Amino acid sequence: MTTTQFAATLGFAFVVTWIAFGFGSAVLCLVGAAVFYAAALVLRGDIDLADVQRRLGGRGGRVRRPSTQRGGGA
């Protein structure tokens, strides 16, 4: 199946779900499908979670300022 055929099938399924169950249910089906697709990629080894964590929570870009203590005199 080509990417175009897959997109057409997904679009058709989305519209059928939308008509049958409503827009919210159709979007929920897409979100569920995306979650399971991502889980399959992780299980297959196509996504390295350590790399994703490093990109999202790593030290890039943000500069942390030292915290200052308030109160506590001499």
N, C-alpha and C. Protein backbone atom coordinates (compact mmCIF):
# COMPACT_ATOMS: atom_id res chain seq x y z
N MET A 1 0.85 -1.17 0.00
CA MET A 1 0.00 0.00 0.00
C MET A 1 0.89 1.23 0.00
N THR A 2 0.59 2.15 -0.89
CA THR A 2 1.38 3.37 -0.96
C THR A 2 0.91 4.37 0.10
N THR A 3 1.69 5.40 0.29
CA THR A 3 1.34 6.44 1.25
C THR A 3 0.03 7.14 0.85
N THR A 4 -0.15 7.36 -0.44
CA THR A 4 -1.36 8.01 -0.93
C THR A 4 -2.59 7.15 -0.67
N GLN A 5 -2.48 5.85 -0.93
CA GLN A 5 -3.59 4.95 -0.67
C GLN A 5 -3.91 4.87 0.82
N PHE A 6 -2.87 4.85 1.64
CA PHE A 6 -3.08 4.81 3.09
C PHE A 6 -3.78 6.08 3.56
N ALA A 7 -3.35 7.24 3.06
CA ALA A 7 -3.97 8.50 3.44
C ALA A 7 -5.44 8.54 3.01
N ALA A 8 -5.74 8.04 1.83
CA ALA A 8 -7.11 8.02 1.35
C ALA A 8 -7.97 7.09 2.21
N THR A 9 -7.43 5.94 2.58
CA THR A 9 -8.15 5.00 3.44
C THR A 9 -8.38 5.60 4.82
N LEU A 10 -7.37 6.25 5.36
CA LEU A 10 -7.50 6.89 6.67
C LEU A 10 -8.54 8.02 6.62
N GLY A 11 -8.52 8.81 5.57
CA GLY A 11 -9.51 9.87 5.41
C GLY A 11 -10.92 9.33 5.31
N PHE A 12 -11.09 8.26 4.56
CA PHE A 12 -12.40 7.64 4.43
C PHE A 12 -12.89 7.11 5.78
N ALA A 13 -12.00 6.43 6.50
CA ALA A 13 -12.37 5.89 7.81
C ALA A 13 -12.72 7.01 8.78
N PHE A 14 -11.98 8.12 8.70
CA PHE A 14 -12.27 9.26 9.57
C PHE A 14 -13.67 9.81 9.29
N VAL A 15 -14.02 9.99 8.02
CA VAL A 15 -15.33 10.53 7.66
C VAL A 15 -16.44 9.57 8.06
N VAL A 16 -16.23 8.28 7.86
CA VAL A 16 -17.24 7.29 8.26
C VAL A 16 -17.46 7.33 9.77
N THR A 17 -16.38 7.41 10.52
CA THR A 17 -16.50 7.50 11.98
C THR A 17 -17.19 8.79 12.39
N TRP A 18 -16.85 9.87 11.70
CA TRP A 18 -17.46 11.18 11.99
C TRP A 18 -18.97 11.12 11.77
N ILE A 19 -19.39 10.54 10.65
CA ILE A 19 -20.81 10.46 10.33
C ILE A 19 -21.53 9.54 11.31
N ALA A 20 -20.92 8.43 11.63
CA ALA A 20 -21.58 7.43 12.47
C ALA A 20 -21.61 7.81 13.95
N PHE A 21 -20.54 8.39 14.45
CA PHE A 21 -20.44 8.59 15.90
C PHE A 21 -20.23 10.04 16.32
N GLY A 22 -19.97 10.94 15.41
CA GLY A 22 -19.74 12.33 15.75
C GLY A 22 -18.27 12.70 15.61
N PHE A 23 -18.03 14.01 15.56
CA PHE A 23 -16.68 14.50 15.32
C PHE A 23 -15.73 14.18 16.47
N GLY A 24 -16.20 14.32 17.70
CA GLY A 24 -15.33 14.04 18.85
C GLY A 24 -14.85 12.60 18.87
N SER A 25 -15.75 11.67 18.56
CA SER A 25 -15.36 10.26 18.53
C SER A 25 -14.38 9.99 17.40
N ALA A 26 -14.56 10.67 16.27
CA ALA A 26 -13.65 10.48 15.14
C ALA A 26 -12.24 10.96 15.50
N VAL A 27 -12.15 12.11 16.16
CA VAL A 27 -10.85 12.63 16.58
C VAL A 27 -10.22 11.71 17.62
N LEU A 28 -11.04 11.20 18.53
CA LEU A 28 -10.54 10.27 19.53
C LEU A 28 -9.98 9.00 18.89
N CYS A 29 -10.62 8.53 17.84
CA CYS A 29 -10.11 7.36 17.11
C CYS A 29 -8.75 7.66 16.49
N LEU A 30 -8.60 8.87 15.93
CA LEU A 30 -7.31 9.24 15.34
C LEU A 30 -6.21 9.34 16.40
N VAL A 31 -6.55 9.89 17.56
CA VAL A 31 -5.57 9.99 18.64
C VAL A 31 -5.17 8.60 19.12
N GLY A 32 -6.14 7.73 19.28
CA GLY A 32 -5.84 6.35 19.69
C GLY A 32 -4.96 5.64 18.68
N ALA A 33 -5.25 5.83 17.40
CA ALA A 33 -4.44 5.21 16.35
C ALA A 33 -3.02 5.75 16.38
N ALA A 34 -2.86 7.04 16.61
CA ALA A 34 -1.52 7.64 16.66
C ALA A 34 -0.73 7.11 17.85
N VAL A 35 -1.39 6.92 18.99
CA VAL A 35 -0.71 6.39 20.17
C VAL A 35 -0.23 4.97 19.92
N PHE A 36 -1.08 4.14 19.35
CA PHE A 36 -0.69 2.76 19.08
C PHE A 36 0.36 2.68 17.98
N TYR A 37 0.30 3.58 17.02
CA TYR A 37 1.32 3.62 15.97
C TYR A 37 2.68 3.97 16.57
N ALA A 38 2.70 4.95 17.46
CA ALA A 38 3.95 5.34 18.12
C ALA A 38 4.47 4.20 18.99
N ALA A 39 3.57 3.51 19.69
CA ALA A 39 4.00 2.38 20.52
C ALA A 39 4.60 1.27 19.66
N ALA A 40 4.01 1.03 18.50
CA ALA A 40 4.56 0.01 17.60
C ALA A 40 5.94 0.40 17.10
N LEU A 41 6.15 1.69 16.82
CA LEU A 41 7.47 2.15 16.39
C LEU A 41 8.50 1.97 17.49
N VAL A 42 8.11 2.23 18.73
CA VAL A 42 9.03 2.06 19.86
C VAL A 42 9.37 0.58 20.03
N LEU A 43 8.36 -0.27 19.98
CA LEU A 43 8.60 -1.70 20.15
C LEU A 43 9.45 -2.28 19.02
N ARG A 44 9.29 -1.75 17.84
CA ARG A 44 10.07 -2.22 16.69
C ARG A 44 11.49 -1.68 16.71
N GLY A 45 11.72 -0.65 17.53
CA GLY A 45 13.07 -0.10 17.64
C GLY A 45 13.34 1.05 16.70
N ASP A 46 12.32 1.57 16.03
CA ASP A 46 12.51 2.68 15.11
C ASP A 46 12.65 4.02 15.83
N ILE A 47 12.17 4.09 17.06
CA ILE A 47 12.29 5.30 17.86
C ILE A 47 13.11 4.98 19.10
N ASP A 48 14.15 5.74 19.33
CA ASP A 48 14.99 5.56 20.51
C ASP A 48 14.51 6.52 21.59
N LEU A 49 13.92 5.97 22.65
CA LEU A 49 13.35 6.81 23.70
C LEU A 49 14.40 7.65 24.42
N ALA A 50 15.61 7.14 24.53
CA ALA A 50 16.68 7.92 25.17
C ALA A 50 16.99 9.15 24.34
N ASP A 51 16.98 9.01 23.02
CA ASP A 51 17.22 10.15 22.14
C ASP A 51 16.08 11.16 22.24
N VAL A 52 14.85 10.68 22.29
CA VAL A 52 13.70 11.57 22.42
C VAL A 52 13.76 12.32 23.74
N GLN A 53 14.09 11.62 24.82
CA GLN A 53 14.18 12.27 26.12
C GLN A 53 15.30 13.31 26.14
N ARG A 54 16.41 12.99 25.52
CA ARG A 54 17.53 13.94 25.46
C ARG A 54 17.12 15.20 24.69
N ARG A 55 16.34 15.02 23.62
CA ARG A 55 15.93 16.18 22.83
C ARG A 55 14.89 17.03 23.56
N LEU A 56 13.97 16.39 24.25
CA LEU A 56 12.89 17.13 24.91
C LEU A 56 13.31 17.70 26.26
N GLY A 57 14.07 16.95 27.03
CA GLY A 57 14.40 17.40 28.37
C GLY A 57 15.85 17.68 28.59
N GLY A 58 16.60 17.74 27.52
CA GLY A 58 18.03 17.93 27.64
C GLY A 58 18.40 19.35 28.02
N ARG A 59 19.66 19.66 27.92
CA ARG A 59 20.18 20.95 28.33
C ARG A 59 20.23 21.95 27.18
N GLY A 60 19.60 21.64 26.08
CA GLY A 60 19.68 22.55 24.95
C GLY A 60 18.83 23.79 25.13
N GLY A 61 19.34 24.92 24.77
CA GLY A 61 18.56 26.14 24.68
C GLY A 61 18.25 26.85 25.98
N ARG A 62 17.84 26.17 26.98
CA ARG A 62 17.43 26.84 28.21
C ARG A 62 18.62 27.05 29.14
N VAL A 63 18.64 28.21 29.73
CA VAL A 63 19.68 28.51 30.71
C VAL A 63 18.99 28.58 32.06
N ARG A 64 19.44 27.78 32.98
CA ARG A 64 18.85 27.80 34.32
C ARG A 64 19.58 28.82 35.17
N ARG A 65 18.80 29.64 35.82
CA ARG A 65 19.38 30.64 36.70
C ARG A 65 19.42 30.09 38.11
N PRO A 66 20.48 30.40 38.83
CA PRO A 66 20.56 29.90 40.20
C PRO A 66 19.45 30.50 41.06
N SER A 67 18.91 29.70 41.93
CA SER A 67 17.84 30.19 42.78
C SER A 67 18.43 31.06 43.89
N THR A 68 17.68 32.05 44.26
CA THR A 68 18.13 32.93 45.34
C THR A 68 17.30 32.65 46.57
N GLN A 69 17.94 32.72 47.72
CA GLN A 69 17.21 32.50 48.96
C GLN A 69 16.71 33.83 49.47
N ARG A 70 15.50 33.81 49.98
CA ARG A 70 14.91 35.02 50.54
C ARG A 70 14.82 34.88 52.04
N GLY A 71 14.87 35.98 52.70
CA GLY A 71 14.78 35.95 54.16
C GLY A 71 16.12 35.59 54.77
N GLY A 72 16.12 34.99 55.93
CA GLY A 72 17.35 34.51 56.56
C GLY A 72 18.44 35.55 56.63
N GLY A 73 18.44 36.42 57.56
CA GLY A 73 19.44 37.47 57.67
C GLY A 73 20.78 36.95 58.16
N ALA A 74 21.53 37.79 58.80
CA ALA A 74 22.88 37.52 59.27
C ALA A 74 22.82 36.47 60.28
